[in-house]
Protein backbone atom coordinates (compact mmCIF):
# COMPACT_ATOMS: atom_id res chain seq x y z
CA MET A 1 235.59 182.82 206.49
CA LYS A 2 232.46 184.01 203.96
CA LYS A 3 235.07 185.19 201.50
CA LEU A 4 237.11 182.46 201.63
CA PHE A 5 234.17 179.71 201.18
CA TRP A 6 233.25 181.75 197.77
CA SER A 7 236.00 182.30 196.58
CA LYS A 8 236.84 178.11 196.98
CA LYS A 9 232.86 177.68 195.61
CA GLY A 10 234.09 180.00 192.83
CA LYS A 11 236.99 177.75 191.45
CA LEU A 12 235.03 174.82 191.86
CA ILE A 13 232.09 176.03 189.27
CA THR A 14 235.60 177.07 187.20
CA ALA A 15 236.95 173.61 187.38
CA LEU A 16 233.41 172.01 186.37
CA VAL A 17 233.25 174.38 183.43
CA MET A 18 236.77 173.53 182.29
CA THR A 19 235.89 170.20 182.55
CA VAL A 20 232.72 170.05 180.74
CA LEU A 21 234.19 172.60 177.55
CA PHE A 22 237.35 169.84 178.00
CA ALA A 23 235.08 166.81 177.36
CA SER A 24 233.02 168.81 174.70
CA GLY A 25 236.09 169.68 172.99
CA VAL A 26 237.21 165.94 173.30
CA ALA A 27 233.97 164.96 172.06
CA ALA A 28 234.50 167.46 168.82
CA TYR A 29 237.81 166.18 168.69
CA ALA A 30 236.76 162.60 168.14
CA GLN A 31 233.68 163.71 166.01
CA ASP A 32 236.44 165.63 163.07
CA LYS A 33 238.22 162.06 163.47
CA LEU A 34 235.44 159.90 161.94
CA VAL A 35 235.51 159.00 158.37
CA TYR A 36 233.41 160.84 156.13
CA ASP A 37 230.68 158.36 154.29
CA PRO A 38 228.93 159.51 151.48
CA ASP A 39 226.73 157.32 151.39
CA LYS A 40 225.30 156.45 154.65
CA ALA A 41 225.45 160.38 154.58
CA TYR A 42 223.10 160.38 151.46
CA ALA A 43 221.06 157.72 153.44
CA LYS A 44 220.57 159.66 155.98
CA ILE A 45 218.76 162.71 153.99
CA ASP A 46 215.15 162.77 153.57
CA LYS A 47 214.12 162.38 150.20
CA SER A 48 210.78 163.95 151.08
CA TYR A 49 210.44 167.76 148.97
CA GLU A 50 210.35 169.19 152.84
CA GLY A 51 213.74 166.85 153.59
CA ILE A 52 215.28 168.37 150.98
CA LEU A 53 214.86 172.02 151.37
CA GLU A 54 215.49 170.85 155.13
CA TYR A 55 219.39 169.81 154.13
CA VAL A 56 219.36 172.35 151.29
CA ASP A 57 218.45 174.76 154.29
CA MET A 58 220.80 173.40 156.75
CA VAL A 59 224.37 173.50 154.06
CA GLU A 60 223.50 176.92 153.45
CA ILE A 61 223.56 177.90 156.96
CA LYS A 62 227.13 175.77 156.73
CA ASN A 63 228.46 178.29 153.97
CA GLU A 64 227.58 181.22 155.75
CA GLU A 65 229.36 180.46 158.36
CA LEU A 66 232.45 179.54 155.97
CA SER A 67 231.93 182.49 153.96
CA SER A 68 233.52 184.84 156.69
CA THR A 69 236.46 182.92 157.08
CA GLU A 70 239.77 182.46 155.62
CA VAL A 71 239.62 178.58 155.17
CA GLU A 72 240.85 177.21 151.51
CA ASP A 73 240.01 174.56 149.68
CA VAL A 74 236.67 173.46 151.22
CA ILE A 75 235.03 169.92 150.05
CA THR A 76 232.30 171.02 147.75
CA THR A 77 230.06 168.95 145.82
CA VAL A 78 227.92 171.38 143.24
CA THR A 79 224.55 170.15 142.25
CA PHE A 80 223.93 172.00 139.25
CA SER A 81 220.15 173.43 138.67
CA GLU A 82 220.06 172.36 134.94
CA GLU A 83 222.33 170.22 132.53
CA ILE A 84 224.87 172.56 131.66
CA ASP A 85 227.28 172.26 128.65
CA PHE A 86 231.50 172.48 128.75
CA SER A 87 231.69 176.14 127.59
CA GLU A 88 229.51 176.86 130.58
CA ILE A 89 231.29 174.53 133.36
CA GLU A 90 234.43 176.44 132.15
CA ASP A 91 233.10 180.13 132.44
CA PHE A 92 231.64 178.53 136.00
CA ILE A 93 235.15 177.36 137.35
CA THR A 94 236.99 180.25 135.88
CA LYS A 95 234.56 182.71 137.48
CA TYR A 96 235.23 181.61 141.21
CA ASN A 97 238.74 179.82 140.72
CA ILE A 98 237.31 176.25 141.48
CA TYR A 99 239.66 173.03 141.55
CA PRO A 100 237.52 170.78 139.80
CA VAL A 101 237.80 167.28 140.72
CA GLN A 102 235.35 165.13 139.14
CA LEU A 103 232.64 165.96 136.77
CA GLN A 104 229.39 164.24 136.81
CA ALA A 105 227.40 164.17 133.28
CA ARG A 106 223.80 162.79 132.63
CA GLY A 107 223.36 160.41 129.64
CA LEU A 108 219.59 158.92 128.00
CA MET A 109 219.45 155.37 126.79
CA ASP A 110 216.72 155.09 123.58
CA ASP A 111 214.43 153.75 126.59
CA GLY A 112 214.58 156.53 128.46
CA THR A 113 216.50 154.90 131.24
CA ARG A 114 218.74 157.93 132.72
CA ILE A 115 222.32 157.25 133.66
CA THR A 116 224.89 159.29 135.80
CA ILE A 117 228.43 159.42 134.22
CA PHE A 118 231.65 160.12 136.78
CA THR A 119 234.57 161.49 135.20
CA ARG A 120 238.10 162.76 136.28
CA THR A 121 239.59 165.89 134.81
CA ASP A 122 243.09 165.55 134.91
CA MET A 123 243.47 165.36 131.30
CA GLY A 124 242.00 168.86 130.70
CA PHE A 125 238.41 169.86 129.92
CA GLU A 126 238.98 169.01 125.95
CA ALA A 127 239.94 165.75 126.73
CA THR A 128 237.22 165.24 128.80
CA LYS A 129 234.66 166.19 126.51
CA GLU A 130 236.20 164.21 123.78
CA LEU A 131 236.45 161.42 126.10
CA LEU A 132 232.55 161.87 127.02
CA LEU A 133 231.14 162.06 123.90
CA LYS A 134 232.98 159.47 122.41
CA GLN A 135 231.90 156.95 125.63
CA ALA A 136 228.20 158.17 124.64
CA GLU A 137 228.69 156.73 121.33
CA GLU A 138 230.24 153.50 121.89
CA ASP A 139 227.54 152.88 125.08
CA GLY A 140 225.23 154.01 122.66
CA TYR A 141 223.53 157.11 124.90
CA GLU A 142 222.75 160.69 124.23
CA PHE A 143 225.02 163.14 126.55
CA MET A 144 222.88 165.51 127.82
CA GLY A 145 225.19 167.36 129.68
CA LEU A 146 226.56 167.85 132.96
CA ILE A 147 224.72 167.78 136.44
CA GLY A 148 227.27 168.13 138.97
CA MET A 149 231.06 168.57 139.99
CA ASN A 150 233.34 167.53 142.68
CA ALA A 151 235.38 170.00 143.29
CA VAL A 152 237.43 172.13 145.83
CA ILE A 153 236.67 175.48 146.68
CA ASP A 154 238.23 178.50 149.09
CA ALA A 155 235.26 179.54 151.63
CA GLN A 156 235.41 183.35 150.60
CA ASN A 157 233.94 182.10 147.06
CA ILE A 158 231.35 179.76 148.96
CA LYS A 159 228.47 182.21 148.81
CA ASP A 160 228.87 183.59 145.13
CA VAL A 161 228.89 179.71 143.80
CA GLU A 162 225.81 179.43 145.61
CA SER A 163 224.31 181.96 144.49
CA ASP A 164 224.50 181.39 140.34
CA LYS A 165 222.11 181.03 138.87
CA LEU A 166 223.73 177.21 137.49
CA THR A 167 223.73 176.08 141.25
CA TYR A 168 220.97 174.39 143.06
CA LEU A 169 222.96 173.86 145.92
CA ALA A 170 227.11 174.26 147.22
CA ASP A 171 227.53 170.91 149.29
CA THR A 172 230.24 171.39 151.85
CA SER A 173 228.60 169.09 154.57
CA ALA A 174 231.68 166.78 153.58
CA ASP A 175 234.41 169.08 154.90
CA LYS A 176 235.52 168.98 158.21
CA PHE A 177 235.42 173.03 159.15
CA ALA A 178 233.58 173.52 162.41
CA LYS A 179 233.96 175.90 165.51
CA LEU A 180 236.35 173.96 167.00
CA ASN A 181 238.43 173.17 163.62
CA LYS A 182 238.93 176.22 161.83
CA GLU A 183 242.42 174.64 159.95
CA VAL A 184 242.78 177.00 157.26
CA SER A 185 245.06 174.05 155.17
CA GLY A 186 241.66 171.84 153.74
CA GLN A 187 244.11 169.27 153.74
CA LYS A 188 245.22 169.44 157.53
CA ARG A 189 241.30 170.53 158.51
CA ASN A 190 240.50 167.23 156.46
CA ASN A 191 243.26 165.41 157.87
CA LEU A 192 244.12 164.27 153.90
CA LYS A 193 246.67 161.94 153.55
CA ASP A 194 248.78 162.83 150.43
CA GLY A 195 246.29 165.63 149.14
CA LYS A 196 243.93 162.37 148.05
CA LEU A 197 240.64 164.42 147.47
CA GLY A 198 238.64 160.52 146.33
CA GLY A 199 236.02 159.06 148.24
CA ILE A 200 234.56 162.00 150.45
CA PHE A 201 232.45 164.47 148.62
CA PRO A 202 228.68 164.25 148.93
CA GLN A 203 226.38 162.53 146.47
CA SER A 204 224.72 165.29 143.86
CA LEU A 205 220.88 165.53 144.82
CA ALA A 206 220.38 165.87 140.99
CA TRP A 207 218.38 162.70 140.45
CA ASP A 208 216.26 163.75 143.54
CA LEU A 209 215.28 167.06 142.72
CA GLU A 210 214.30 165.67 139.35
CA ASP A 211 212.30 162.96 140.82
CA LEU A 212 210.55 165.60 142.92
CA GLY A 213 210.14 167.94 139.80
CA ILE A 214 212.15 170.39 141.61
CA ILE A 215 214.27 171.07 138.60
CA GLU A 216 213.84 169.33 135.15
């Protein structure tokens, strides 16, 4: 009888554990299906010096886990540690096999007002460069350089990108990679329809870093 009692108790405990695990899995799955909102995610970041460093630490923990996997096309926003020119970014994306989706450039008005210009890269870098310089001339601001980039990067290259001297942060927080979602394909992992990547990247921290004096 004692043996039977413990056998039943063991089954009961196993069933309870399985139920908890199933519930956790459902919750994680539901979370995985939520639409990422860059504006809401950015609003939650504490913009103090300590808050920014805490956010960076959190992202880098995820990057460490990502780097040990084979997942592809990780949704990433790179915030540069300084304003860079087109020759530097071309070398950067070639070196780490990056697929750029959008570039973020810095402009400066005559009165000192900072502006950020967003441009896609469909036409290639030379055409994009010409377009940015022409727009600066027409709109009356000085083109200062590139401050960020939205891109997809294979996990095996994330840590190298993160460690590059031109990188302040390789923000992968929008990617749905998690312990329960290690799907290799970026399109499948992030539930992308037709591979569309618009509006799903984390916001750059460039202005916050400047305001706090972390970068110039």
